[in-house]
């Protein structure tokens, strides 16, 4: 069974815990606030095995080193942004597909908010974790990328299956 648990952080941000009960694996997507993640993991009875980073901003990677020290988890992120993602272990290529439990996860290149911004698309569940590329009321600010890059990134999301959860 595959479970997604939402962890509120700061005033306006979230981390997502992904859990594959068949393999007893747990990943955190963008754990900016480590104590919120630890509290959720304790409540759920899960251990942290992986961290998946969408981009280098502190509200998304601020918990990396602390969580890695506590759980010994591996940290995944864009190879082109590796110098800006603390404690990164796995340098992902865009369009790469890797396995988490019984899921194949595609790494999508979504520059605009930042140059090295990526997303994680889980094909078997039609779920996308897109960091700060898309919000419920718009898209992320352009800190490093161009409007054209953001538009291209949003169009990539638009081409995903209609039933995709974002």
C-alpha atoms as a PDB file:
ATOM      1  CA  UNK A   1       0.000   0.000   0.000  1.00  0.00           C
ATOM      2  CA  UNK A   2       1.208   3.486  -0.881  1.00  0.00           C
ATOM      3  CA  UNK A   3       0.361   6.371   1.467  1.00  0.00           C
ATOM      4  CA  UNK A   4       0.919  10.115   1.211  1.00  0.00           C
ATOM      5  CA  UNK A   5       0.859  12.134   4.424  1.00  0.00           C
ATOM      6  CA  UNK A   6       0.908  15.952   4.321  1.00  0.00           C
ATOM      7  CA  UNK A   7       3.026  17.721   6.941  1.00  0.00           C
ATOM      8  CA  UNK A   8       2.307  21.460   7.368  1.00  0.00           C
ATOM      9  CA  UNK A   9       5.427  23.566   7.887  1.00  0.00           C
ATOM     10  CA  UNK A  10       6.123  27.188   8.610  1.00  0.00           C
ATOM     11  CA  UNK A  11       3.059  29.346   7.896  1.00  0.00           C
ATOM     12  CA  UNK A  12       2.465  28.407   4.276  1.00  0.00           C
ATOM     13  CA  UNK A  13       4.447  25.352   3.256  1.00  0.00           C
ATOM     14  CA  UNK A  14       4.200  21.569   3.250  1.00  0.00           C
ATOM     15  CA  UNK A  15       6.357  18.499   3.254  1.00  0.00           C
ATOM     16  CA  UNK A  16       4.952  15.255   1.907  1.00  0.00           C
ATOM     17  CA  UNK A  17       5.763  11.904   3.459  1.00  0.00           C
ATOM     18  CA  UNK A  18       5.532   8.976   1.037  1.00  0.00           C
ATOM     19  CA  UNK A  19       5.255   5.519   2.555  1.00  0.00           C
ATOM     20  CA  UNK A  20       5.366   2.160   0.821  1.00  0.00           C
ATOM     21  CA  UNK A  21       4.120  -0.346   3.420  1.00  0.00           C
ATOM     22  CA  UNK A  22       5.040  -3.374   1.286  1.00  0.00           C
ATOM     23  CA  UNK A  23       8.730  -2.439   1.437  1.00  0.00           C
ATOM     24  CA  UNK A  24       8.436  -0.393   4.658  1.00  0.00           C
ATOM     25  CA  UNK A  25      10.100   2.619   3.031  1.00  0.00           C
ATOM     26  CA  UNK A  26       9.442   6.282   3.730  1.00  0.00           C
ATOM     27  CA  UNK A  27      10.543   9.374   1.831  1.00  0.00           C
ATOM     28  CA  UNK A  28      10.080  13.050   2.650  1.00  0.00           C
ATOM     29  CA  UNK A  29       9.621  15.532  -0.183  1.00  0.00           C
ATOM     30  CA  UNK A  30      11.066  18.964   0.705  1.00  0.00           C
ATOM     31  CA  UNK A  31      11.490  18.703   4.492  1.00  0.00           C
ATOM     32  CA  UNK A  32      12.225  22.322   5.335  1.00  0.00           C
ATOM     33  CA  UNK A  33      11.373  22.070   9.013  1.00  0.00           C
ATOM     34  CA  UNK A  34      12.863  18.937  10.601  1.00  0.00           C
ATOM     35  CA  UNK A  35      10.875  18.940  13.851  1.00  0.00           C
ATOM     36  CA  UNK A  36       7.552  18.905  11.968  1.00  0.00           C
ATOM     37  CA  UNK A  37       8.776  15.905   9.964  1.00  0.00           C
ATOM     38  CA  UNK A  38      10.030  14.065  13.053  1.00  0.00           C
ATOM     39  CA  UNK A  39       6.733  14.641  14.865  1.00  0.00           C
ATOM     40  CA  UNK A  40       4.761  13.268  11.921  1.00  0.00           C
ATOM     41  CA  UNK A  41       7.058  10.252  11.559  1.00  0.00           C
ATOM     42  CA  UNK A  42       6.763   9.487  15.279  1.00  0.00           C
ATOM     43  CA  UNK A  43       2.974   9.745  15.137  1.00  0.00           C
ATOM     44  CA  UNK A  44       2.810   7.445  12.091  1.00  0.00           C
ATOM     45  CA  UNK A  45       5.454   4.997  13.359  1.00  0.00           C
ATOM     46  CA  UNK A  46       7.605   5.402  10.232  1.00  0.00           C
ATOM     47  CA  UNK A  47      11.368   5.732   9.815  1.00  0.00           C
ATOM     48  CA  UNK A  48      12.826   8.072   7.211  1.00  0.00           C
ATOM     49  CA  UNK A  49      14.795   6.377   4.415  1.00  0.00           C
ATOM     50  CA  UNK A  50      14.960   9.065   1.719  1.00  0.00           C
ATOM     51  CA  UNK A  51      14.606  12.791   1.141  1.00  0.00           C
ATOM     52  CA  UNK A  52      13.541  14.037  -2.298  1.00  0.00           C
ATOM     53  CA  UNK A  53      14.443  17.703  -2.909  1.00  0.00           C
ATOM     54  CA  UNK A  54      12.707  19.772  -5.583  1.00  0.00           C
ATOM     55  CA  UNK A  55      15.037  22.777  -5.247  1.00  0.00           C
ATOM     56  CA  UNK A  56      17.592  24.442  -3.003  1.00  0.00           C
ATOM     57  CA  UNK A  57      15.537  27.021  -1.087  1.00  0.00           C
ATOM     58  CA  UNK A  58      15.834  26.754   2.689  1.00  0.00           C
ATOM     59  CA  UNK A  59      12.103  26.209   3.265  1.00  0.00           C
ATOM     60  CA  UNK A  60      12.470  23.002   1.229  1.00  0.00           C
ATOM     61  CA  UNK A  61      15.906  21.696   2.284  1.00  0.00           C
ATOM     62  CA  UNK A  62      16.368  23.209   5.743  1.00  0.00           C
ATOM     63  CA  UNK A  63      15.896  19.853   7.451  1.00  0.00           C
ATOM     64  CA  UNK A  64      18.195  17.815   5.223  1.00  0.00           C
ATOM     65  CA  UNK A  65      21.302  17.595   7.373  1.00  0.00           C
ATOM     66  CA  UNK A  66      19.452  17.198  10.681  1.00  0.00           C
ATOM     67  CA  UNK A  67      17.205  14.440   9.300  1.00  0.00           C
ATOM     68  CA  UNK A  68      20.127  12.683   7.634  1.00  0.00           C
ATOM     69  CA  UNK A  69      22.071  12.734  10.897  1.00  0.00           C
ATOM     70  CA  UNK A  70      19.073  11.391  12.835  1.00  0.00           C
ATOM     71  CA  UNK A  71      17.854   8.707  10.413  1.00  0.00           C
ATOM     72  CA  UNK A  72      20.786   7.969   8.106  1.00  0.00           C
ATOM     73  CA  UNK A  73      18.551   8.609   5.097  1.00  0.00           C
ATOM     74  CA  UNK A  74      19.762   9.276   1.557  1.00  0.00           C
ATOM     75  CA  UNK A  75      19.109  12.651  -0.045  1.00  0.00           C
ATOM     76  CA  UNK A  76      18.112  12.936  -3.701  1.00  0.00           C
ATOM     77  CA  UNK A  77      18.268  16.100  -5.793  1.00  0.00           C
ATOM     78  CA  UNK A  78      19.075  17.555  -9.177  1.00  0.00           C
ATOM     79  CA  UNK A  79      22.706  16.890 -10.108  1.00  0.00           C
ATOM     80  CA  UNK A  80      22.884  20.399 -11.593  1.00  0.00           C
ATOM     81  CA  UNK A  81      21.953  21.878  -8.206  1.00  0.00           C
ATOM     82  CA  UNK A  82      24.030  19.527  -6.047  1.00  0.00           C
ATOM     83  CA  UNK A  83      26.289  22.273  -4.685  1.00  0.00           C
ATOM     84  CA  UNK A  84      23.247  24.069  -3.267  1.00  0.00           C
ATOM     85  CA  UNK A  85      21.482  21.055  -1.701  1.00  0.00           C
ATOM     86  CA  UNK A  86      23.009  20.148   1.676  1.00  0.00           C
ATOM     87  CA  UNK A  87      24.134  16.563   2.258  1.00  0.00           C
ATOM     88  CA  UNK A  88      22.971  15.338  -1.171  1.00  0.00           C
ATOM     89  CA  UNK A  89      23.821  11.696  -1.893  1.00  0.00           C
ATOM     90  CA  UNK A  90      22.036  10.855  -5.148  1.00  0.00           C
ATOM     91  CA  UNK A  91      22.530  13.220  -8.085  1.00  0.00           C
ATOM     92  CA  UNK A  92      19.498  12.871 -10.335  1.00  0.00           C
ATOM     93  CA  UNK A  93      19.394  13.509 -14.052  1.00  0.00           C
ATOM     94  CA  UNK A  94      16.298  15.140 -15.474  1.00  0.00           C
ATOM     95  CA  UNK A  95      13.995  12.628 -17.176  1.00  0.00           C
ATOM     96  CA  UNK A  96      15.650   9.884 -15.122  1.00  0.00           C
ATOM     97  CA  UNK A  97      13.365   7.258 -13.640  1.00  0.00           C
ATOM     98  CA  UNK A  98      14.260   5.697 -10.297  1.00  0.00           C
ATOM     99  CA  UNK A  99      12.477   3.219  -8.048  1.00  0.00           C
ATOM    100  CA  UNK A 100      10.989   3.846  -4.619  1.00  0.00           C
ATOM    101  CA  UNK A 101       9.459   0.656  -3.238  1.00  0.00           C
ATOM    102  CA  UNK A 102       7.135  -0.560  -5.971  1.00  0.00           C
ATOM    103  CA  UNK A 103       6.876   2.873  -7.643  1.00  0.00           C
ATOM    104  CA  UNK A 104       8.736   4.282 -10.597  1.00  0.00           C
ATOM    105  CA  UNK A 105       9.405   7.980 -10.114  1.00  0.00           C
ATOM    106  CA  UNK A 106      10.234  10.236 -13.054  1.00  0.00           C
ATOM    107  CA  UNK A 107      12.407  13.300 -12.503  1.00  0.00           C
ATOM    108  CA  UNK A 108      10.919  16.248 -14.396  1.00  0.00           C
ATOM    109  CA  UNK A 109      12.992  19.329 -15.228  1.00  0.00           C
ATOM    110  CA  UNK A 110      10.881  22.362 -14.209  1.00  0.00           C
ATOM    111  CA  UNK A 111      13.075  25.487 -14.213  1.00  0.00           C
ATOM    112  CA  UNK A 112      11.560  28.892 -13.575  1.00  0.00           C
ATOM    113  CA  UNK A 113      11.269  29.342  -9.816  1.00  0.00           C
ATOM    114  CA  UNK A 114      14.939  28.275  -9.694  1.00  0.00           C
ATOM    115  CA  UNK A 115      17.216  27.071 -12.469  1.00  0.00           C
ATOM    116  CA  UNK A 116      17.688  23.623 -10.896  1.00  0.00           C
ATOM    117  CA  UNK A 117      14.037  23.037  -9.955  1.00  0.00           C
ATOM    118  CA  UNK A 118      12.766  19.495 -10.517  1.00  0.00           C
ATOM    119  CA  UNK A 119       9.578  17.590  -9.784  1.00  0.00           C
ATOM    120  CA  UNK A 120       8.829  13.969  -8.979  1.00  0.00           C
ATOM    121  CA  UNK A 121       6.083  12.220 -10.959  1.00  0.00           C
ATOM    122  CA  UNK A 122       4.905   8.837  -9.708  1.00  0.00           C
ATOM    123  CA  UNK A 123       3.452   7.129 -12.762  1.00  0.00           C
ATOM    124  CA  UNK A 124       1.598   4.287 -11.076  1.00  0.00           C
ATOM    125  CA  UNK A 125      -0.400   6.701  -8.895  1.00  0.00           C
ATOM    126  CA  UNK A 126      -0.473   9.759 -11.185  1.00  0.00           C
ATOM    127  CA  UNK A 127       0.924  11.978  -8.441  1.00  0.00           C
ATOM    128  CA  UNK A 128       3.227  14.949  -8.991  1.00  0.00           C
ATOM    129  CA  UNK A 129       5.343  16.676  -6.350  1.00  0.00           C
ATOM    130  CA  UNK A 130       6.320  19.944  -8.011  1.00  0.00           C
ATOM    131  CA  UNK A 131       7.718  22.069  -5.186  1.00  0.00           C
ATOM    132  CA  UNK A 132       7.272  25.773  -5.922  1.00  0.00           C
ATOM    133  CA  UNK A 133       6.526  25.489  -9.616  1.00  0.00           C
ATOM    134  CA  UNK A 134       2.762  25.467  -9.146  1.00  0.00           C
ATOM    135  CA  UNK A 135       0.474  26.647  -6.340  1.00  0.00           C
ATOM    136  CA  UNK A 136      -3.295  26.491  -6.003  1.00  0.00           C
ATOM    137  CA  UNK A 137      -3.555  30.162  -6.957  1.00  0.00           C
ATOM    138  CA  UNK A 138      -0.644  30.518  -9.393  1.00  0.00           C
ATOM    139  CA  UNK A 139       2.992  29.653  -9.857  1.00  0.00           C
ATOM    140  CA  UNK A 140       6.135  30.262  -7.868  1.00  0.00           C
ATOM    141  CA  UNK A 141       8.045  33.516  -8.123  1.00  0.00           C
ATOM    142  CA  UNK A 142      10.845  33.690 -10.646  1.00  0.00           C
ATOM    143  CA  UNK A 143      13.985  33.922  -8.527  1.00  0.00           C
ATOM    144  CA  UNK A 144      16.451  32.622 -11.108  1.00  0.00           C
ATOM    145  CA  UNK A 145      14.547  31.471 -14.155  1.00  0.00           C
ATOM    146  CA  UNK A 146      12.835  33.329 -16.950  1.00  0.00           C
ATOM    147  CA  UNK A 147       9.136  33.713 -17.707  1.00  0.00           C
ATOM    148  CA  UNK A 148       9.639  31.489 -20.762  1.00  0.00           C
ATOM    149  CA  UNK A 149      11.210  28.735 -18.648  1.00  0.00           C
ATOM    150  CA  UNK A 150       8.309  28.905 -16.189  1.00  0.00           C
ATOM    151  CA  UNK A 151       5.770  28.774 -19.015  1.00  0.00           C
ATOM    152  CA  UNK A 152       7.506  25.722 -20.488  1.00  0.00           C
ATOM    153  CA  UNK A 153       7.527  24.071 -17.045  1.00  0.00           C
ATOM    154  CA  UNK A 154       3.821  24.762 -16.528  1.00  0.00           C
ATOM    155  CA  UNK A 155       3.096  23.333 -19.981  1.00  0.00           C
ATOM    156  CA  UNK A 156       4.937  20.122 -19.012  1.00  0.00           C
ATOM    157  CA  UNK A 157       2.626  19.806 -16.025  1.00  0.00           C
ATOM    158  CA  UNK A 158      -0.368  20.544 -18.241  1.00  0.00           C
ATOM    159  CA  UNK A 159       0.558  17.582 -20.487  1.00  0.00           C
ATOM    160  CA  UNK A 160       0.388  15.087 -17.604  1.00  0.00           C
ATOM    161  CA  UNK A 161      -2.690  12.831 -17.434  1.00  0.00           C
ATOM    162  CA  UNK A 162      -5.888  14.680 -16.466  1.00  0.00           C
ATOM    163  CA  UNK A 163      -6.302  12.602 -13.312  1.00  0.00           C
ATOM    164  CA  UNK A 164      -2.884  13.651 -11.959  1.00  0.00           C
ATOM    165  CA  UNK A 165      -2.887  14.808  -8.345  1.00  0.00           C
ATOM    166  CA  UNK A 166      -0.550  17.735  -7.769  1.00  0.00           C
END
